[in-house]
């Protein structure tokens, strides 16, 4: 997923709240929480759906950092 931040944040206004990794269960919980707001919610749901469909991982990061995102310098959602 491409978004305007390098990682998903627990607090949209606090870059230090960036999330490196989430298990599928934690991703579901975060997506259902009030902290996941605005345009991040559909991105989280799409990333969760990809892992549920069999992808080994989903990556959420910024478009200007595609190579870094794919290398894992992003929020990575995995099945476990």
C-alpha atoms as a PDB file:
ATOM      1  CA  UNK A   1       0.000   0.000   0.000  1.00  0.00           C
ATOM      2  CA  UNK A   2       1.213   3.444  -0.803  1.00  0.00           C
ATOM      3  CA  UNK A   3       0.417   6.282   1.566  1.00  0.00           C
ATOM      4  CA  UNK A   4       1.748   9.714   2.467  1.00  0.00           C
ATOM      5  CA  UNK A   5       3.732   8.459   5.470  1.00  0.00           C
ATOM      6  CA  UNK A   6       6.609   6.005   5.730  1.00  0.00           C
ATOM      7  CA  UNK A   7       4.724   3.815   8.228  1.00  0.00           C
ATOM      8  CA  UNK A   8       1.337   3.489   9.861  1.00  0.00           C
ATOM      9  CA  UNK A   9       1.210   5.577  13.028  1.00  0.00           C
ATOM     10  CA  UNK A  10      -0.610   4.861  16.268  1.00  0.00           C
ATOM     11  CA  UNK A  11      -1.062   8.634  16.516  1.00  0.00           C
ATOM     12  CA  UNK A  12      -1.398  10.275  13.111  1.00  0.00           C
ATOM     13  CA  UNK A  13       0.257  13.457  14.411  1.00  0.00           C
ATOM     14  CA  UNK A  14       3.243  11.753  16.064  1.00  0.00           C
ATOM     15  CA  UNK A  15       5.959  10.366  13.765  1.00  0.00           C
ATOM     16  CA  UNK A  16       7.529   8.596  16.746  1.00  0.00           C
ATOM     17  CA  UNK A  17       4.412   6.395  16.998  1.00  0.00           C
ATOM     18  CA  UNK A  18       5.220   4.666  13.707  1.00  0.00           C
ATOM     19  CA  UNK A  19       4.555   0.926  13.665  1.00  0.00           C
ATOM     20  CA  UNK A  20       7.223  -1.381  12.197  1.00  0.00           C
ATOM     21  CA  UNK A  21       5.369  -4.707  12.240  1.00  0.00           C
ATOM     22  CA  UNK A  22       1.929  -6.062  12.978  1.00  0.00           C
ATOM     23  CA  UNK A  23       0.678  -9.620  13.120  1.00  0.00           C
ATOM     24  CA  UNK A  24      -2.590 -10.215  11.320  1.00  0.00           C
ATOM     25  CA  UNK A  25      -4.431 -10.251  14.650  1.00  0.00           C
ATOM     26  CA  UNK A  26      -2.799  -6.989  15.754  1.00  0.00           C
ATOM     27  CA  UNK A  27      -3.504  -5.410  12.360  1.00  0.00           C
ATOM     28  CA  UNK A  28      -7.181  -6.330  12.645  1.00  0.00           C
ATOM     29  CA  UNK A  29      -7.335  -4.862  16.156  1.00  0.00           C
ATOM     30  CA  UNK A  30      -5.607  -1.655  15.061  1.00  0.00           C
ATOM     31  CA  UNK A  31      -7.878  -1.290  11.998  1.00  0.00           C
ATOM     32  CA  UNK A  32     -10.922  -1.568  14.265  1.00  0.00           C
ATOM     33  CA  UNK A  33      -9.589   0.982  16.763  1.00  0.00           C
ATOM     34  CA  UNK A  34     -10.244   4.734  16.801  1.00  0.00           C
ATOM     35  CA  UNK A  35      -6.504   5.276  16.237  1.00  0.00           C
ATOM     36  CA  UNK A  36      -6.873   4.006  12.658  1.00  0.00           C
ATOM     37  CA  UNK A  37      -8.632   6.947  11.100  1.00  0.00           C
ATOM     38  CA  UNK A  38      -9.328   8.564   7.774  1.00  0.00           C
ATOM     39  CA  UNK A  39      -7.692   7.140   4.684  1.00  0.00           C
ATOM     40  CA  UNK A  40      -5.533   4.721   6.668  1.00  0.00           C
ATOM     41  CA  UNK A  41      -8.501   2.475   7.514  1.00  0.00           C
ATOM     42  CA  UNK A  42      -9.134   1.279   3.913  1.00  0.00           C
ATOM     43  CA  UNK A  43      -5.393   0.805   3.405  1.00  0.00           C
ATOM     44  CA  UNK A  44      -5.214  -1.349   6.526  1.00  0.00           C
ATOM     45  CA  UNK A  45      -8.235  -3.389   5.400  1.00  0.00           C
ATOM     46  CA  UNK A  46      -6.666  -3.972   1.969  1.00  0.00           C
ATOM     47  CA  UNK A  47      -3.331  -4.976   3.512  1.00  0.00           C
ATOM     48  CA  UNK A  48      -5.118  -7.354   5.901  1.00  0.00           C
ATOM     49  CA  UNK A  49      -7.123  -8.868   3.018  1.00  0.00           C
ATOM     50  CA  UNK A  50      -3.926  -9.526   1.054  1.00  0.00           C
ATOM     51  CA  UNK A  51      -2.390 -11.482   3.934  1.00  0.00           C
ATOM     52  CA  UNK A  52      -5.660 -13.329   4.558  1.00  0.00           C
ATOM     53  CA  UNK A  53      -5.679 -14.314   0.859  1.00  0.00           C
ATOM     54  CA  UNK A  54      -2.241 -15.895   1.178  1.00  0.00           C
ATOM     55  CA  UNK A  55       0.310 -13.135   0.665  1.00  0.00           C
ATOM     56  CA  UNK A  56       3.299 -13.672   2.933  1.00  0.00           C
ATOM     57  CA  UNK A  57       3.234  -9.990   3.939  1.00  0.00           C
ATOM     58  CA  UNK A  58       1.748  -6.593   3.143  1.00  0.00           C
ATOM     59  CA  UNK A  59       3.805  -3.425   3.212  1.00  0.00           C
ATOM     60  CA  UNK A  60       2.492   0.077   3.897  1.00  0.00           C
ATOM     61  CA  UNK A  61       4.871   2.897   3.044  1.00  0.00           C
ATOM     62  CA  UNK A  62       5.455   6.154   1.186  1.00  0.00           C
ATOM     63  CA  UNK A  63       5.620   6.376  -2.636  1.00  0.00           C
ATOM     64  CA  UNK A  64       8.968   8.160  -2.680  1.00  0.00           C
ATOM     65  CA  UNK A  65      10.433   5.241  -0.712  1.00  0.00           C
ATOM     66  CA  UNK A  66       9.261   2.220  -2.762  1.00  0.00           C
ATOM     67  CA  UNK A  67      12.593   0.357  -2.650  1.00  0.00           C
ATOM     68  CA  UNK A  68      12.913   0.941   1.094  1.00  0.00           C
ATOM     69  CA  UNK A  69       9.275  -0.077   1.635  1.00  0.00           C
ATOM     70  CA  UNK A  70       9.775  -3.362  -0.217  1.00  0.00           C
ATOM     71  CA  UNK A  71      12.961  -3.962   1.768  1.00  0.00           C
ATOM     72  CA  UNK A  72      10.860  -3.831   4.945  1.00  0.00           C
ATOM     73  CA  UNK A  73      11.426  -0.217   5.941  1.00  0.00           C
ATOM     74  CA  UNK A  74       7.670   0.264   6.329  1.00  0.00           C
ATOM     75  CA  UNK A  75       4.783  -1.125   8.341  1.00  0.00           C
ATOM     76  CA  UNK A  76       4.810  -4.831   7.564  1.00  0.00           C
ATOM     77  CA  UNK A  77       1.771  -6.991   8.233  1.00  0.00           C
ATOM     78  CA  UNK A  78       2.328 -10.730   8.430  1.00  0.00           C
ATOM     79  CA  UNK A  79       0.151 -13.754   9.196  1.00  0.00           C
ATOM     80  CA  UNK A  80       1.863 -14.350  12.532  1.00  0.00           C
END
